[in-house]
Protein backbone atom coordinates (compact mmCIF):
# COMPACT_ATOMS: atom_id res chain seq x y z
CA MET A 1 -20.82 -28.32 -3.97
CA GLU A 2 -24.38 -29.34 -3.12
CA GLN A 3 -26.14 -26.02 -3.61
CA THR A 4 -28.39 -25.49 -6.60
CA ILE A 5 -27.71 -22.22 -8.40
CA ALA A 6 -30.20 -20.21 -10.41
CA PHE A 7 -29.37 -17.50 -12.93
CA LEU A 8 -32.17 -14.99 -13.41
CA GLY A 9 -31.08 -13.74 -16.80
CA ALA A 10 -29.16 -15.74 -19.36
CA GLY A 11 -26.84 -13.27 -21.06
CA SER A 12 -23.12 -13.43 -21.79
CA MET A 13 -21.90 -12.97 -18.20
CA ALA A 14 -24.28 -15.63 -16.91
CA GLU A 15 -23.00 -17.97 -19.61
CA ALA A 16 -19.37 -17.21 -18.75
CA ILE A 17 -19.96 -18.23 -15.13
CA ILE A 18 -21.96 -21.30 -16.15
CA ALA A 19 -19.14 -22.31 -18.50
CA GLY A 20 -16.56 -21.88 -15.75
CA MET A 21 -18.54 -23.77 -13.12
CA THR A 22 -19.29 -26.71 -15.39
CA ALA A 23 -15.79 -26.90 -16.92
CA ASN A 24 -14.16 -26.88 -13.49
CA LYS A 25 -16.80 -29.23 -12.04
CA ILE A 26 -17.46 -26.81 -9.18
CA VAL A 27 -21.18 -27.45 -9.49
CA PRO A 28 -22.81 -30.40 -11.29
CA ALA A 29 -24.61 -29.22 -14.42
CA LYS A 30 -27.94 -30.53 -13.12
CA GLN A 31 -27.66 -28.19 -10.14
CA ILE A 32 -27.56 -25.10 -12.37
CA ILE A 33 -30.74 -23.47 -13.65
CA ALA A 34 -30.88 -20.63 -16.19
CA LYS A 35 -34.10 -18.68 -16.44
CA ASN A 36 -35.43 -15.91 -18.61
CA HIS A 37 -38.93 -14.79 -19.50
CA SER A 38 -39.09 -14.78 -23.27
CA ASN A 39 -36.05 -16.10 -25.15
CA LYS A 40 -36.66 -19.85 -25.39
CA GLU A 41 -33.99 -20.28 -28.05
CA ARG A 42 -31.35 -18.82 -25.75
CA LEU A 43 -32.32 -21.24 -22.99
CA LYS A 44 -32.29 -24.15 -25.42
CA THR A 45 -28.77 -23.20 -26.53
CA LEU A 46 -27.48 -23.10 -22.94
CA GLU A 47 -29.21 -26.37 -22.09
CA GLU A 48 -27.68 -28.18 -25.06
CA LYS A 49 -24.22 -26.66 -24.65
CA TYR A 50 -23.75 -27.08 -20.88
CA HIS A 51 -26.40 -29.73 -20.03
CA ILE A 52 -27.88 -27.49 -17.37
CA LEU A 53 -31.56 -27.05 -16.50
CA THR A 54 -33.58 -24.15 -17.85
CA SER A 55 -36.90 -22.60 -16.94
CA GLN A 56 -39.25 -19.75 -17.74
CA SER A 57 -40.97 -19.93 -14.35
CA THR A 58 -39.57 -17.68 -11.64
CA GLN A 59 -41.34 -19.53 -8.84
CA ASP A 60 -40.14 -22.98 -9.93
CA THR A 61 -36.60 -21.69 -10.39
CA ILE A 62 -36.40 -20.09 -6.95
CA ASP A 63 -38.12 -23.01 -5.21
CA GLN A 64 -35.42 -25.36 -6.52
CA SER A 65 -32.44 -23.08 -5.79
CA ASP A 66 -30.21 -22.20 -2.85
CA ILE A 67 -28.30 -19.38 -4.56
CA ILE A 68 -30.11 -16.90 -6.82
CA ILE A 69 -27.84 -14.93 -9.16
CA LEU A 70 -29.31 -11.69 -10.52
CA ALA A 71 -28.00 -11.51 -14.08
CA MET A 72 -30.63 -9.40 -15.81
CA LYS A 73 -30.03 -5.86 -17.10
CA PRO A 74 -29.55 -3.31 -14.27
CA LYS A 75 -32.55 -1.32 -15.49
CA ASP A 76 -34.77 -4.31 -14.70
CA ILE A 77 -33.73 -4.64 -11.06
CA LYS A 78 -36.89 -3.18 -9.52
CA THR A 79 -39.13 -5.45 -11.58
CA ALA A 80 -36.97 -8.46 -10.76
CA THR A 81 -36.84 -7.85 -7.01
CA ALA A 82 -40.59 -7.24 -6.86
CA GLU A 83 -41.12 -10.59 -8.58
CA ILE A 84 -38.80 -12.66 -6.39
CA LYS A 85 -39.49 -10.95 -3.04
CA PRO A 86 -42.54 -13.05 -2.09
CA LEU A 87 -40.79 -16.24 -3.21
CA LEU A 88 -37.66 -16.01 -1.08
CA SER A 89 -37.22 -18.17 1.99
CA ALA A 90 -34.76 -17.00 4.62
CA ASN A 91 -31.98 -19.45 3.72
CA LYS A 92 -31.55 -18.35 0.09
CA ILE A 93 -28.50 -16.30 -0.92
CA VAL A 94 -28.97 -13.50 -3.46
CA VAL A 95 -25.96 -12.68 -5.64
CA SER A 96 -25.92 -9.62 -7.89
CA LEU A 97 -23.87 -9.26 -11.07
CA LEU A 98 -25.46 -5.89 -11.79
CA ALA A 99 -23.14 -2.95 -12.39
CA GLY A 100 -24.10 0.18 -10.48
CA ILE A 101 -26.52 -1.52 -8.09
CA SER A 102 -25.56 -1.61 -4.39
CA THR A 103 -26.38 -4.40 -1.97
CA ALA A 104 -28.19 -1.84 0.20
CA PHE A 105 -30.52 -0.98 -2.66
CA ILE A 106 -31.28 -4.65 -3.36
CA GLU A 107 -31.90 -5.25 0.35
CA GLN A 108 -34.22 -2.25 0.39
CA GLN A 109 -36.16 -3.54 -2.60
CA LEU A 110 -36.43 -7.08 -1.24
CA GLU A 111 -37.48 -5.97 2.26
CA THR A 112 -36.12 -9.23 3.66
CA GLN A 113 -33.02 -10.23 5.57
CA ASN A 114 -31.70 -12.54 2.89
CA PRO A 115 -27.93 -12.33 2.46
CA VAL A 116 -27.05 -10.23 -0.59
CA ILE A 117 -23.58 -10.42 -2.12
CA ARG A 118 -22.36 -8.24 -4.98
CA VAL A 119 -20.00 -9.66 -7.59
CA MET A 120 -18.25 -7.56 -10.25
CA PRO A 121 -16.54 -9.67 -12.94
CA ASN A 122 -14.96 -8.31 -16.10
CA THR A 123 -15.29 -9.55 -19.66
CA SER A 124 -12.27 -11.83 -19.38
CA ALA A 125 -14.65 -14.13 -17.50
CA THR A 126 -15.52 -15.63 -20.87
CA ILE A 127 -12.08 -17.29 -20.97
CA GLY A 128 -11.81 -17.94 -17.24
CA GLN A 129 -9.48 -14.98 -16.63
CA SER A 130 -11.70 -12.44 -14.90
CA ALA A 131 -10.45 -10.20 -12.11
CA THR A 132 -13.56 -10.20 -9.94
CA THR A 133 -14.40 -8.15 -6.86
CA ILE A 134 -16.88 -9.39 -4.24
CA ALA A 135 -18.64 -7.30 -1.58
CA ALA A 136 -20.96 -8.44 1.19
CA GLY A 137 -24.27 -6.86 2.07
CA THR A 138 -25.65 -6.29 5.55
CA TYR A 139 -26.84 -9.84 6.25
CA ALA A 140 -24.18 -11.91 4.47
CA THR A 141 -21.93 -13.99 6.71
CA LYS A 142 -18.24 -14.66 6.20
CA GLU A 143 -19.06 -18.29 5.35
CA GLN A 144 -21.59 -17.24 2.71
CA VAL A 145 -19.09 -14.85 1.12
CA GLU A 146 -16.49 -17.65 1.04
CA LEU A 147 -19.05 -19.93 -0.62
CA ILE A 148 -19.69 -17.39 -3.39
CA GLU A 149 -15.97 -16.74 -3.73
CA GLU A 150 -15.44 -20.47 -4.32
CA LEU A 151 -18.03 -20.39 -7.10
CA ILE A 152 -16.60 -17.31 -8.77
CA THR A 153 -13.03 -18.64 -8.84
CA SER A 154 -14.34 -20.72 -11.75
CA ILE A 155 -13.99 -17.61 -13.95
CA GLY A 156 -10.66 -16.27 -12.66
CA THR A 157 -9.25 -14.59 -9.57
CA THR A 158 -11.36 -13.01 -6.84
CA GLU A 159 -10.85 -10.33 -4.21
CA VAL A 160 -13.25 -9.55 -1.36
CA ILE A 161 -13.48 -5.79 -0.86
CA ASP A 162 -15.47 -3.20 1.06
CA GLU A 163 -18.41 -2.17 -1.05
CA ALA A 164 -17.54 1.48 -0.48
CA ASP A 165 -14.52 0.87 -2.72
CA MET A 166 -16.48 -0.83 -5.50
CA ASP A 167 -16.66 2.24 -7.77
CA ALA A 168 -12.88 2.64 -7.77
CA PHE A 169 -12.26 -1.08 -8.23
CA THR A 170 -14.70 -1.01 -11.15
CA ALA A 171 -12.25 1.38 -12.80
CA LEU A 172 -9.21 -0.76 -11.97
CA ALA A 173 -10.69 -4.13 -12.95
CA GLY A 174 -14.25 -4.00 -14.28
CA SER A 175 -13.71 -1.42 -17.02
CA ALA A 176 -9.93 -1.76 -17.29
CA PRO A 177 -9.80 -4.41 -20.05
CA ALA A 178 -11.13 -1.77 -22.44
CA PHE A 179 -8.30 0.59 -21.49
CA TYR A 180 -5.64 -2.03 -22.21
CA TYR A 181 -7.35 -2.90 -25.50
CA PHE A 182 -7.34 0.80 -26.39
CA MET A 183 -3.56 0.95 -25.96
CA VAL A 184 -3.15 -2.16 -28.12
CA GLU A 185 -5.33 -0.50 -30.78
CA ALA A 186 -2.75 2.32 -30.92
CA MET A 187 0.03 -0.23 -31.30
CA GLU A 188 -1.90 -1.85 -34.16
CA GLN A 189 -2.01 1.53 -35.88
CA PHE A 190 1.78 1.67 -35.54
CA VAL A 191 1.99 -1.83 -37.05
CA ASP A 192 -0.07 -0.62 -40.02
CA THR A 193 2.04 2.50 -40.60
CA LYS A 194 5.23 0.43 -40.55
CA GLY A 195 3.80 -2.27 -42.82
CA LEU A 196 4.66 -5.02 -40.33
CA ASP A 197 3.26 -8.54 -40.45
CA LYS A 198 0.06 -8.30 -38.38
CA ASP A 199 0.07 -11.91 -37.17
CA ILE A 200 3.64 -11.71 -35.95
CA ALA A 201 2.99 -8.34 -34.32
CA LYS A 202 -0.10 -9.65 -32.54
CA ARG A 203 1.76 -12.65 -31.14
CA LEU A 204 4.56 -10.43 -29.88
CA MET A 205 2.18 -7.88 -28.33
CA VAL A 206 0.08 -10.56 -26.62
CA GLN A 207 3.14 -12.32 -25.20
CA THR A 208 4.57 -9.01 -24.01
CA ILE A 209 1.34 -8.24 -22.13
CA LYS A 210 1.34 -11.72 -20.61
CA GLY A 211 4.99 -11.34 -19.61
CA VAL A 212 4.37 -8.00 -17.92
CA GLY A 213 1.47 -9.50 -15.96
CA GLU A 214 3.59 -12.44 -14.86
CA MET A 215 6.46 -10.16 -13.86
CA LEU A 216 4.16 -7.93 -11.81
CA GLU A 217 2.82 -11.00 -10.02
CA ALA A 218 6.12 -12.80 -9.49
CA SER A 219 8.52 -9.96 -8.72
CA GLU A 220 8.91 -8.24 -5.37
CA ASP A 221 9.96 -5.08 -7.23
CA SER A 222 7.52 -2.23 -7.71
CA PRO A 223 6.35 -1.32 -11.24
CA GLN A 224 8.65 1.71 -11.07
CA VAL A 225 11.69 -0.44 -10.29
CA LEU A 226 10.78 -2.94 -13.01
CA ARG A 227 10.48 -0.05 -15.48
CA GLU A 228 13.80 1.45 -14.42
CA LYS A 229 15.58 -1.90 -14.80
CA ILE A 230 14.81 -1.96 -18.53
CA THR A 231 15.37 1.75 -19.15
CA SER A 232 18.99 2.38 -20.14
CA PRO A 233 20.12 6.03 -20.19
CA GLY A 234 20.02 7.29 -23.77
CA GLY A 235 18.44 4.06 -24.98
CA THR A 236 15.33 3.23 -26.99
CA THR A 237 13.06 2.62 -23.99
CA GLU A 238 14.01 5.93 -22.42
CA ALA A 239 13.20 7.73 -25.68
CA GLY A 240 9.74 6.19 -25.73
CA LEU A 241 9.07 6.93 -22.05
CA LYS A 242 10.10 10.55 -22.50
CA THR A 243 7.55 10.86 -25.28
CA LEU A 244 4.82 9.33 -23.11
CA ALA A 245 5.72 11.73 -20.30
CA ALA A 246 5.63 14.68 -22.70
CA HIS A 247 2.10 13.68 -23.62
CA GLU A 248 1.19 13.34 -19.91
CA PHE A 249 0.52 9.62 -20.24
CA GLN A 250 0.33 8.88 -16.50
CA GLU A 251 -1.87 11.90 -15.89
CA ALA A 252 -4.20 10.71 -18.66
CA VAL A 253 -4.43 7.22 -17.14
CA ILE A 254 -5.21 8.62 -13.69
CA ALA A 255 -7.82 10.97 -15.16
CA CYS A 256 -9.35 8.02 -17.01
CA LEU A 257 -9.65 6.02 -13.78
CA GLU A 258 -11.06 9.00 -11.87
CA GLU A 259 -13.71 9.59 -14.53
CA THR A 260 -14.62 5.90 -14.63
CA THR A 261 -14.99 5.88 -10.83
CA ALA A 262 -17.16 8.99 -10.93
CA ARG A 263 -19.37 7.53 -13.66
CA SER A 264 -19.81 4.31 -11.69
CA LYS A 265 -21.04 6.38 -8.75
CA GLU A 266 -23.36 8.41 -11.02
CA MET A 267 -24.85 5.24 -12.52
CA ARG A 268 -25.45 3.78 -9.06
CA GLU A 269 -27.25 6.93 -7.95
CA MET A 270 -29.28 6.99 -11.18
CA PHE A 271 -30.38 3.34 -10.94
CA GLU A 272 -31.23 3.65 -7.28
CA LYS A 273 -33.49 6.70 -7.54
């Protein structure tokens, strides 16, 4: 890929994408620039670790770049767009990693017709296993979206969605790792109460989660059918499932996703006021 990519903001998600792009040789390291205003040590660390370029000059960074990735904190979006607006030429693509910020809002702040594309990774990006959603703004072409999708596959799988669905997909993928971790935390408490070997238990739990994921991907059966196939009448699995049902487990999961979706919408409205 010949494009030069600039990260405005050099936090953990920016680093995850930089790590993925350099490890998979999607973009040569010398065509990646990380920029922040004040933390020179952070830039030095990224430069030494990934052999990329770094800068503290917004103008120099944007002048050299074809794709500008907004990776600052969402609360800083208005300051950031005001700073880059006079520096953007028409051919530059703006990519946002910012939770709760719509492409329409960024377009409104920029007051240009630059293509804006929204990308929502999750924290598994740090090991190249993110489930990432991508949504196009008003001026982004299909080819530009495909270009960004190619970049983002360096940190996992990608799905292009309608931005109207982004709040709900944030619940299903963006926030969801925390929900799975929360369930594993409960299993760890069970391990403690039973005095089981924690290392063995962890290996078994991790492999079980991996196996479930692989089965869901590989099988043509629905999750319900897969569940029923391992649930013998009067058996151990049925006993556990009955207990989960008694505690309204599925209802709790759905309520969790609904609340996450609602909060995503609230945050977007709050940031965009």
